[in-house]
C-alpha atoms as a PDB file:
ATOM      1  CA  ARG A   1      79.310-104.338 -40.933  1.00  0.00           C
ATOM      2  CA  PHE A   2      80.622-102.695 -44.129  1.00  0.00           C
ATOM      3  CA  ALA A   3      84.157-102.727 -42.676  1.00  0.00           C
ATOM      4  CA  THR A   4      84.276-106.520 -42.664  1.00  0.00           C
ATOM      5  CA  ASP A   5      81.965-107.293 -45.615  1.00  0.00           C
ATOM      6  CA  LEU A   6      82.757-105.273 -48.746  1.00  0.00           C
ATOM      7  CA  THR A   7      79.438-106.219 -50.383  1.00  0.00           C
ATOM      8  CA  VAL A   8      77.536-104.177 -47.761  1.00  0.00           C
ATOM      9  CA  PRO A   9      77.110-100.536 -48.840  1.00  0.00           C
ATOM     10  CA  PHE A  10      78.817 -97.792 -46.832  1.00  0.00           C
ATOM     11  CA  SER A  11      75.628 -95.754 -46.385  1.00  0.00           C
ATOM     12  CA  ASN A  12      71.947 -96.485 -45.859  1.00  0.00           C
ATOM     13  CA  ASN A  13      70.884 -94.117 -48.644  1.00  0.00           C
ATOM     14  CA  LEU A  14      68.986 -96.895 -50.445  1.00  0.00           C
ATOM     15  CA  ALA A  15      66.919 -97.579 -47.327  1.00  0.00           C
ATOM     16  CA  GLU A  16      66.189 -93.869 -46.952  1.00  0.00           C
ATOM     17  CA  ARG A  17      65.042 -93.700 -50.590  1.00  0.00           C
ATOM     18  CA  ASP A  18      62.652 -96.589 -49.921  1.00  0.00           C
ATOM     19  CA  VAL A  19      61.003 -94.652 -47.090  1.00  0.00           C
ATOM     20  CA  ARG A  20      60.654 -91.380 -49.032  1.00  0.00           C
ATOM     21  CA  PRO A  21      57.481 -92.314 -51.024  1.00  0.00           C
ATOM     22  CA  VAL A  22      55.741 -93.261 -47.778  1.00  0.00           C
ATOM     23  CA  LYS A  23      56.578 -89.918 -46.176  1.00  0.00           C
ATOM     24  CA  ILE A  24      55.441 -88.027 -49.286  1.00  0.00           C
ATOM     25  CA  GLN A  25      52.136 -89.933 -49.342  1.00  0.00           C
ATOM     26  CA  GLN A  26      51.706 -89.246 -45.633  1.00  0.00           C
ATOM     27  CA  ARG A  27      52.241 -85.518 -46.183  1.00  0.00           C
ATOM     28  CA  VAL A  28      49.909 -85.390 -49.211  1.00  0.00           C
ATOM     29  CA  SER A  29      47.134 -87.310 -47.460  1.00  0.00           C
ATOM     30  CA  GLY A  30      47.124 -84.960 -44.481  1.00  0.00           C
ATOM     31  CA  GLY A  31      49.335 -86.984 -42.179  1.00  0.00           C
ATOM     32  CA  CYS A  32      47.394 -90.233 -42.053  1.00  0.00           C
ATOM     33  CA  TRP A  33      45.643 -92.838 -44.135  1.00  0.00           C
ATOM     34  CA  ARG A  34      41.897 -93.287 -43.819  1.00  0.00           C
ATOM     35  CA  THR A  35      42.142 -96.925 -42.730  1.00  0.00           C
ATOM     36  CA  LEU A  36      44.798 -99.282 -41.468  1.00  0.00           C
ATOM     37  CA  GLN A  37      43.986-101.571 -44.404  1.00  0.00           C
ATOM     38  CA  GLY A  38      44.649 -98.663 -46.789  1.00  0.00           C
ATOM     39  CA  LEU A  39      48.060 -98.163 -45.218  1.00  0.00           C
ATOM     40  CA  ALA A  40      48.827-101.878 -45.467  1.00  0.00           C
ATOM     41  CA  ASP A  41      47.773-101.962 -49.146  1.00  0.00           C
ATOM     42  CA  PHE A  42      49.949 -98.930 -49.916  1.00  0.00           C
ATOM     43  CA  ALA A  43      52.931-100.574 -48.181  1.00  0.00           C
ATOM     44  CA  VAL A  44      52.502-103.817 -50.154  1.00  0.00           C
ATOM     45  CA  VAL A  45      52.389-101.990 -53.497  1.00  0.00           C
ATOM     46  CA  GLN A  46      55.397 -99.807 -52.594  1.00  0.00           C
ATOM     47  CA  SER A  47      57.405-102.844 -51.493  1.00  0.00           C
ATOM     48  CA  TYR A  48      56.545-104.763 -54.665  1.00  0.00           C
ATOM     49  CA  LEU A  49      57.530-101.868 -56.941  1.00  0.00           C
ATOM     50  CA  SER A  50      60.706-101.106 -54.980  1.00  0.00           C
ATOM     51  CA  THR A  51      61.874-104.723 -55.167  1.00  0.00           C
ATOM     52  CA  ALA A  52      61.108-104.964 -58.888  1.00  0.00           C
ATOM     53  CA  SER A  53      62.980-101.745 -59.574  1.00  0.00           C
ATOM     54  CA  LYS A  54      66.045-102.962 -57.613  1.00  0.00           C
ATOM     55  CA  TRP A  55      66.084-106.048 -59.855  1.00  0.00           C
ATOM     56  CA  GLY A  56      66.005-103.852 -62.975  1.00  0.00           C
ATOM     57  CA  VAL A  57      62.334-104.403 -63.818  1.00  0.00           C
ATOM     58  CA  ASP A  58      60.517-101.281 -64.979  1.00  0.00           C
ATOM     59  CA  THR A  59      57.693-100.351 -62.585  1.00  0.00           C
ATOM     60  CA  LEU A  60      55.122-100.115 -65.370  1.00  0.00           C
ATOM     61  CA  ASP A  61      56.223-103.524 -66.656  1.00  0.00           C
ATOM     62  CA  ALA A  62      55.931-104.972 -63.135  1.00  0.00           C
ATOM     63  CA  LEU A  63      52.385-103.604 -62.797  1.00  0.00           C
ATOM     64  CA  THR A  64      51.438-104.851 -66.268  1.00  0.00           C
ATOM     65  CA  ARG A  65      52.687-108.335 -65.415  1.00  0.00           C
ATOM     66  CA  LEU A  66      50.837-108.209 -62.082  1.00  0.00           C
ATOM     67  CA  PHE A  67      47.485-107.596 -63.750  1.00  0.00           C
ATOM     68  CA  THR A  68      47.990-109.827 -66.798  1.00  0.00           C
ATOM     69  CA  THR A  69      50.137-112.874 -66.106  1.00  0.00           C
ATOM     70  CA  GLY A  70      50.622-112.684 -62.346  1.00  0.00           C
ATOM     71  CA  ALA A  71      53.038-111.066 -59.943  1.00  0.00           C
ATOM     72  CA  TRP A  72      56.686-110.725 -60.895  1.00  0.00           C
ATOM     73  CA  LEU A  73      58.869-112.576 -58.424  1.00  0.00           C
ATOM     74  CA  PRO A  74      62.619-112.129 -58.047  1.00  0.00           C
ATOM     75  CA  PRO A  75      64.868-115.113 -58.686  1.00  0.00           C
ATOM     76  CA  THR A  76      65.831-117.183 -55.674  1.00  0.00           C
ATOM     77  CA  THR A  77      69.414-115.857 -55.782  1.00  0.00           C
ATOM     78  CA  HIS A  78      70.549-112.374 -54.767  1.00  0.00           C
ATOM     79  CA  PRO A  79      71.577-109.778 -57.388  1.00  0.00           C
ATOM     80  CA  ALA A  80      75.287-109.347 -58.022  1.00  0.00           C
END
């Protein structure tokens, strides 16, 4: 797709970086989570922080907003 659409990155390195924290957590926790709900909760938090960071929002700021004023949500348009 990158050959016809220059806005698409050449590599999938960003996607691989998004998966890395999950694999590290899996290795640290002994290869599995204790419950399926625990895995789902971890995935939601990782997704939220990854999206905020891609939009230039500091992860600590995103968590602070989450627990004080409500979840940070990206604008309805895509980043440039």
